[in-house]
Each structure stands twice: as C-alpha cells, then as structure tokens.
Protein backbone atom coordinates (compact mmCIF):
# COMPACT_ATOMS: atom_id res chain seq x y z
CA UNK A 1 3.76 9.01 -5.49
CA UNK A 2 2.38 7.06 -8.86
CA UNK A 3 2.47 3.33 -8.82
CA UNK A 4 1.66 1.83 -12.17
CA UNK A 5 0.21 4.83 -13.29
CA UNK A 6 -2.06 5.55 -10.47
CA UNK A 7 -1.13 7.80 -7.77
CA UNK A 8 -1.35 6.18 -4.31
CA UNK A 9 0.16 7.85 -0.58
CA UNK A 10 2.64 6.20 0.92
CA UNK A 11 5.11 6.99 3.85
CA UNK A 12 7.52 9.64 3.43
CA UNK A 13 9.06 9.11 7.11
CA UNK A 14 10.56 6.27 8.44
CA UNK A 15 10.70 5.49 12.49
CA UNK A 16 13.39 3.07 11.69
CA UNK A 17 14.97 1.94 15.53
CA UNK A 18 16.02 1.16 17.78
CA UNK A 19 14.39 -1.54 18.99
CA UNK A 20 13.54 -1.28 22.80
CA UNK A 21 14.78 2.44 22.73
CA UNK A 22 11.38 4.35 23.55
CA UNK A 23 10.11 4.39 20.05
CA UNK A 24 6.43 3.86 20.96
CA UNK A 25 6.76 6.64 23.54
CA UNK A 26 7.98 8.93 20.97
CA UNK A 27 5.57 8.06 18.25
CA UNK A 28 2.36 8.67 20.47
CA UNK A 29 3.85 11.80 21.72
CA UNK A 30 4.26 13.18 17.97
CA UNK A 31 0.91 11.48 17.12
CA UNK A 32 -0.52 14.51 19.19
CA UNK A 33 0.09 16.83 16.20
CA UNK A 34 -2.06 16.19 12.95
CA UNK A 35 1.03 16.89 11.00
CA UNK A 36 1.92 13.52 11.13
CA UNK A 37 -0.40 10.30 9.81
CA UNK A 38 0.33 6.77 11.26
CA UNK A 39 -1.85 3.74 10.19
CA UNK A 40 -4.29 3.42 12.79
CA UNK A 41 -3.81 0.78 15.32
CA UNK A 42 -0.73 -0.35 13.76
CA UNK A 43 2.67 1.28 14.74
CA UNK A 44 4.86 -1.28 12.76
CA UNK A 45 3.74 -2.48 9.29
CA UNK A 46 6.91 -4.33 9.00
CA UNK A 47 6.11 -4.46 5.15
CA UNK A 48 10.12 -4.02 4.46
CA UNK A 49 11.44 -6.20 6.77
CA UNK A 50 12.39 -9.98 6.27
CA UNK A 51 10.20 -10.63 9.58
CA UNK A 52 8.51 -13.70 9.45
CA UNK A 53 5.66 -12.52 11.37
CA UNK A 54 5.12 -9.17 9.13
CA UNK A 55 1.65 -7.16 10.37
CA UNK A 56 1.44 -6.46 6.68
CA UNK A 57 2.22 -9.27 3.92
CA UNK A 58 1.15 -7.67 0.39
CA UNK A 59 1.41 -4.11 -1.58
CA UNK A 60 -2.31 -3.83 -1.49
CA UNK A 61 -2.68 -4.12 2.30
CA UNK A 62 0.50 -1.65 2.72
CA UNK A 63 -1.25 1.25 0.35
CA UNK A 64 -4.39 0.71 1.83
CA UNK A 65 -2.62 2.02 5.76
CA UNK A 66 -2.12 5.46 4.36
CA UNK A 67 -4.89 5.62 1.77
CA UNK A 68 -7.39 7.85 4.23
CA UNK A 69 -4.26 10.43 5.09
CA UNK A 70 -4.53 14.15 4.09
CA UNK A 71 -2.70 15.90 1.87
CA UNK A 72 -0.68 17.95 4.48
CA UNK A 73 0.54 15.37 6.59
CA UNK A 74 3.92 13.70 6.73
CA UNK A 75 2.98 9.69 6.25
CA UNK A 76 4.69 7.22 8.78
CA UNK A 77 5.96 3.79 8.98
CA UNK A 78 7.53 3.11 12.39
CA UNK A 79 8.70 -0.53 11.95
CA UNK A 80 11.90 -0.55 14.22
CA UNK A 81 13.16 -3.54 12.89
CA UNK A 82 14.39 -1.99 9.72
CA UNK A 83 17.31 0.09 11.38
CA UNK A 84 18.46 -3.49 12.56
CA UNK A 85 18.46 -5.04 9.08
CA UNK A 86 19.46 -2.81 6.40
CA UNK A 87 20.84 -5.18 3.99
CA UNK A 88 17.10 -6.50 3.55
CA UNK A 89 15.41 -3.30 3.93
CA UNK A 90 17.22 -0.74 1.76
CA UNK A 91 17.06 -2.67 -1.00
CA UNK A 92 13.39 -2.98 -0.99
CA UNK A 93 13.00 0.43 -0.01
CA UNK A 94 14.89 1.02 -3.41
CA UNK A 95 13.42 -0.78 -5.22
CA UNK A 96 9.65 0.24 -4.50
CA UNK A 97 10.38 4.14 -4.20
CA UNK A 98 12.96 4.36 -7.16
CA UNK A 99 14.51 7.65 -7.43
CA UNK A 100 12.01 8.96 -4.89
CA UNK A 101 14.33 6.39 -1.80
CA UNK A 102 16.50 9.75 -1.88
CA UNK A 103 13.84 12.20 -0.59
CA UNK A 104 12.78 9.74 1.98
CA UNK A 105 13.32 11.08 5.58
CA UNK A 106 14.48 8.44 8.62
CA UNK A 107 14.46 9.00 12.19
CA UNK A 108 16.65 6.86 14.87
CA UNK A 109 15.91 6.66 18.63
CA UNK A 110 18.77 5.48 20.50
CA UNK A 111 19.17 4.86 24.26
CA UNK A 112 22.30 3.62 26.48
CA UNK A 113 22.98 0.20 24.39
CA UNK A 114 23.72 -1.93 27.34
CA UNK A 115 20.33 -0.73 28.94
CA UNK A 116 18.64 -1.21 25.82
CA UNK A 117 20.02 -4.96 25.39
CA UNK A 118 18.78 -5.82 28.72
CA UNK A 119 15.42 -4.46 28.17
CA UNK A 120 15.15 -6.53 24.95
CA UNK A 121 16.61 -9.35 26.93
CA UNK A 122 13.75 -8.96 29.29
CA UNK A 123 11.26 -8.89 26.94
CA UNK A 124 12.12 -12.02 25.56
CA UNK A 125 12.11 -13.81 29.07
CA UNK A 126 8.59 -12.56 29.22
CA UNK A 127 7.52 -13.69 26.27
CA UNK A 128 9.03 -17.07 26.69
CA UNK A 129 11.32 -16.77 23.82
CA UNK A 130 14.52 -16.68 26.30
CA UNK A 131 15.23 -19.21 29.06
CA UNK A 132 18.82 -18.54 29.55
CA UNK A 133 20.58 -16.36 32.19
CA UNK A 134 21.57 -13.05 30.64
CA UNK A 135 25.01 -13.82 31.75
CA UNK A 136 25.22 -16.95 29.47
CA UNK A 137 23.98 -14.94 26.57
CA UNK A 138 26.75 -12.59 27.24
CA UNK A 139 29.05 -15.36 27.40
CA UNK A 140 27.68 -16.64 24.14
CA UNK A 141 28.51 -13.26 22.10
CA UNK A 142 31.86 -12.81 23.67
CA UNK A 143 32.63 -16.42 22.15
CA UNK A 144 31.38 -14.67 18.61
CA UNK A 145 27.83 -16.26 18.27
CA UNK A 146 25.32 -13.92 16.94
CA UNK A 147 23.44 -12.66 19.81
CA UNK A 148 21.04 -10.11 18.52
CA UNK A 149 20.64 -8.25 22.16
CA UNK A 150 24.07 -7.20 21.71
CA UNK A 151 24.18 -6.97 18.15
CA UNK A 152 21.46 -4.69 18.20
CA UNK A 153 23.03 -2.37 20.58
CA UNK A 154 26.26 -1.77 18.31
CA UNK A 155 24.22 1.19 16.31
CA UNK A 156 27.60 2.96 14.59
CA UNK A 157 27.66 -0.50 12.65
CA UNK A 158 24.33 -0.24 11.86
CA UNK A 159 24.10 3.43 11.06
CA UNK A 160 27.26 2.86 8.77
CA UNK A 161 25.01 0.47 6.66
CA UNK A 162 22.75 3.11 6.23
CA UNK A 163 24.54 5.90 5.03
CA UNK A 164 26.21 3.76 2.53
CA UNK A 165 22.75 4.37 0.78
CA UNK A 166 20.67 7.23 2.22
CA UNK A 167 22.15 10.63 2.35
CA UNK A 168 23.52 11.29 6.51
CA UNK A 169 21.46 14.63 6.15
CA UNK A 170 18.25 12.54 5.76
CA UNK A 171 18.89 10.55 8.72
CA UNK A 172 18.21 11.94 12.24
CA UNK A 173 19.39 10.87 15.51
CA UNK A 174 17.88 11.39 18.54
CA UNK A 175 19.39 10.26 22.10
CA UNK A 176 16.14 9.03 23.94
CA UNK A 177 17.25 10.21 27.50
CA UNK A 178 17.78 13.78 26.11
CA UNK A 179 14.09 13.51 24.73
CA UNK A 180 12.95 12.65 28.10
CA UNK A 181 14.91 15.31 29.95
CA UNK A 182 14.70 18.11 27.24
CA UNK A 183 12.15 17.73 24.67
CA UNK A 184 12.21 21.32 23.66
CA UNK A 185 15.76 20.91 22.19
CA UNK A 186 14.24 18.01 20.21
CA UNK A 187 11.25 19.80 19.12
CA UNK A 188 13.33 22.53 17.51
CA UNK A 189 15.70 19.71 15.82
CA UNK A 190 12.89 17.93 14.15
CA UNK A 191 11.11 21.46 13.34
CA UNK A 192 14.54 21.98 11.07
CA UNK A 193 14.65 18.28 10.08
CA UNK A 194 11.51 18.06 8.43
CA UNK A 195 10.83 21.67 7.82
CA UNK A 196 7.64 21.99 9.27
CA UNK A 197 6.30 23.79 12.54
CA UNK A 198 5.70 21.50 15.75
CA UNK A 199 4.74 24.13 18.21
CA UNK A 200 1.74 22.13 19.33
CA UNK A 201 3.89 19.43 20.89
CA UNK A 202 5.54 21.89 23.29
CA UNK A 203 3.14 21.64 25.95
CA UNK A 204 2.13 17.88 25.26
CA UNK A 205 4.13 15.00 27.34
CA UNK A 206 6.20 12.72 26.40
CA UNK A 207 3.80 9.26 27.32
CA UNK A 208 5.64 6.66 29.25
CA UNK A 209 4.67 3.50 27.07
CA UNK A 210 5.97 -0.36 27.18
CA UNK A 211 7.84 -0.15 30.37
CA UNK A 212 9.49 -3.40 30.95
CA UNK A 213 10.88 -5.37 33.91
CA UNK A 214 10.35 -8.89 35.80
CA UNK A 215 7.60 -10.88 36.97
CA UNK A 216 7.09 -9.96 40.48
CA UNK A 217 6.02 -13.49 41.49
CA UNK A 218 4.54 -16.58 39.56
CA UNK A 219 0.74 -15.30 39.77
CA UNK A 220 1.91 -12.01 37.56
CA UNK A 221 3.26 -14.53 34.76
CA UNK A 222 0.31 -16.54 34.57
CA UNK A 223 -1.52 -13.31 34.33
CA UNK A 224 0.46 -11.42 31.87
CA UNK A 225 0.29 -14.20 29.56
CA UNK A 226 -3.49 -14.24 29.75
CA UNK A 227 -3.71 -10.90 29.28
CA UNK A 228 -1.14 -10.47 26.32
CA UNK A 229 -2.63 -13.38 24.29
CA UNK A 230 -2.30 -12.25 20.89
CA UNK A 231 -5.83 -13.04 20.32
CA UNK A 232 -6.93 -11.00 23.07
CA UNK A 233 -4.70 -8.13 21.89
CA UNK A 234 -6.01 -8.39 18.81
CA UNK A 235 -9.26 -8.12 19.54
CA UNK A 236 -8.97 -5.24 22.02
CA UNK A 237 -6.80 -3.06 19.71
CA UNK A 238 -10.12 -3.18 17.70
CA UNK A 239 -12.57 -2.27 20.31
CA UNK A 240 -10.67 0.57 21.92
CA UNK A 241 -9.24 3.70 21.57
CA UNK A 242 -5.16 4.27 21.62
CA UNK A 243 -4.64 6.04 24.39
CA UNK A 244 -6.84 3.88 26.62
CA UNK A 245 -4.95 0.98 25.55
CA UNK A 246 -1.66 2.73 26.76
CA UNK A 247 -2.91 4.04 29.83
CA UNK A 248 -3.96 0.21 30.62
CA UNK A 249 -1.17 -1.30 29.36
CA UNK A 250 0.81 0.84 31.68
CA UNK A 251 -1.07 -0.03 35.00
CA UNK A 252 -1.23 -3.74 34.35
CA UNK A 253 2.65 -3.82 33.85
CA UNK A 254 3.10 -1.44 37.45
CA UNK A 255 1.23 -4.28 38.81
CA UNK A 256 2.69 -7.28 37.66
CA UNK A 257 6.15 -5.89 36.96
CA UNK A 258 9.09 -4.99 38.97
CA UNK A 259 12.16 -2.57 37.93
CA UNK A 260 15.13 -4.89 37.12
CA UNK A 261 18.08 -4.89 39.20
CA UNK A 262 20.89 -4.64 36.69
CA UNK A 263 23.34 -5.75 39.46
CA UNK A 264 21.11 -9.05 39.85
CA UNK A 265 20.99 -9.43 36.26
CA UNK A 266 24.74 -8.95 34.87
CA UNK A 267 28.08 -9.75 37.07
CA UNK A 268 30.75 -7.22 37.16
CA UNK A 269 33.18 -8.81 34.88
CA UNK A 270 30.62 -9.26 31.80
CA UNK A 271 29.19 -5.79 32.34
CA UNK A 272 33.04 -4.26 31.84
CA UNK A 273 33.38 -6.57 28.87
CA UNK A 274 30.21 -5.28 27.44
CA UNK A 275 30.98 -1.68 28.25
CA UNK A 276 34.29 -2.12 26.13
CA UNK A 277 32.72 -3.38 23.12
CA UNK A 278 29.58 -1.65 22.94
CA UNK A 279 30.99 1.36 24.70
CA UNK A 280 33.71 1.67 22.02
CA UNK A 281 30.79 1.43 18.86
CA UNK A 282 29.08 4.13 20.89
CA UNK A 283 32.17 6.49 21.05
CA UNK A 284 32.78 5.87 17.53
CA UNK A 285 28.97 7.16 16.85
CA UNK A 286 29.45 10.05 18.81
CA UNK A 287 32.83 11.24 17.29
CA UNK A 288 31.47 10.75 14.06
CA UNK A 289 28.26 12.68 14.17
CA UNK A 290 29.89 15.21 16.89
CA UNK A 291 27.14 14.32 19.65
CA UNK A 292 30.29 12.33 21.84
CA UNK A 293 29.47 14.97 24.19
CA UNK A 294 25.38 13.94 24.49
CA UNK A 295 26.84 10.50 24.93
CA UNK A 296 28.97 10.72 27.18
CA UNK A 297 26.18 12.49 29.48
CA UNK A 298 23.41 10.15 29.02
CA UNK A 299 24.94 6.85 28.16
CA UNK A 300 27.08 6.57 31.79
CA UNK A 301 25.67 2.77 32.29
CA UNK A 302 27.70 1.55 29.30
CA UNK A 303 30.39 4.21 29.30
CA UNK A 304 30.66 3.72 33.10
CA UNK A 305 31.25 7.76 33.64
C-alpha cells in the first residue's frame, strides 16, 4: 500500500472479535503457519479503536509493527474490540485504506452468547473493575442500562453494522465451539475464504489460552494481582518467547482459578430472561447467515436445547 508516496506494509486481515470468544487460541493456532504475520508480542494494537488504553497510538508506530513481514504473508491485526465498536472503527479504516478498504478481509470468532458474557464479567471481577453480583448486572441491563457484557453478546446487531459498509463475502464467521470440535472443517473454510492452502495446520492442535474462572481463595487473588501486574507482564513479554508465556499463563491459572458454576452465578429467572434476549439475536444471526443448525447445536446454554 502506498502512503504519502511511500510503500508501506499494513494489515489486510483483521480478526475483529468477539471479545472472550477464543480469539487468542485461534490466533496462536494460525500463527503456526508462516503464511500469517502478527506483530511480535502484540495481538491487539487497537489502533483503529476508541479505546483509551491503545497499545499503539501513532500511525508511525502502527506501520512499524509490520515492517519485518515477508511479501507472501497475510498481515494480521487481531484487535477484538473492533467488532464491538463498528461506528468508530469502520470510518477509521475507510479513512486509512481508501479504496483498498473493500479488499480487506475480516474474521469474527463467536461463542455461546451467555457463556461469553459470563466470561467477560468474570474477567472484570478478577481485574477489580467489577464489584457487582452478576444478577445485579443483569437486572440493570433489563432496565435498559448499557451493560457491555450483554451488549457485546448481541452478535447480530453488531454484524448488521459491519455489513452496512463491508461486503458480507469479506467477513468470515467462525463458531468457536465448532473450531474446537472439528478444526478440519474450519481449515477448509479458511482456505476458501483466504484463497490459500493451510495444509500445515491440519496436524496442529488448538492451544487452550486465557482460561477464566473464579479465584479459589483470597491467597490466590493476591497472587494473581502480583503475577499479573501490568509492569511485570510488560517486562516478561519482552523477555520470554510467546509459547512459553502462554504455557506459563495456563499453569498459573490452573492453580489459582476454579471453573465457574453457572448455577451459582446466575439465577434461573434471570437466565431465562437473558435466553430470550440473546437467544433471539443468535437465532436471527443463524437464520440470516444460514448457520442456524450450527448455532442450535453449539450454543445450547443460551438456546436451552
């Protein structure tokens, strides 16, 4: 791409969401193919987002992330906040890419909507951003307040905003649960979508990364905040290779976190109310994209099948 009469390398594939839907596992899986280029140590530049804590703030920084890529590689920006902020991100992308915008490809990883919302809530609790009980957050949402845990799980509404400006043929929806169960099907779909061979991925396992949950006890909570201090994380990321980092992260979280018991997090009445709202949106997505059978099969917690 030419920018100010200078040829620069910039992403042509965006993995835009959804948050807490397995995008980190997906990215670390396709990284095993040298056909993809990711910025070293930085999955989410956030450059085209309105996030206050952007990892990359200037155009020069953004372009520099991809300067070492090879000509044959697909350059990837995996900032998952993009899917959830189309009214900001799309105009920024169009302004930057101009006519090239219509040549961009987008991948969206989606998982069971209610499980995704719970996962995002639990992350906020672990980080100390959220102190309310989950049922209180649901009640606030049902009263019409803008609770992003649930707003971000209304996939169809967000997808509609994207296809107003992007040709649907340039957006690939992947159901994360299907990816885990049958990655070979997804590989074939990706090969067709990107017009490349990905035979090298058939024998590669999908890593389990960013597993969430609740603290086992108060000591685990203290240990978590010591180990996951932002300054320490920044130093460690610069010092250790990514595969080692992710294995270490998984081991630590296995020790200090326990799997959530959904029945203790959400009461039956609120669960049914959420199922009605998020389930209807999920069904609409399935119907319009002709993937309803997949959604009914894999999203049984939300659809109660």
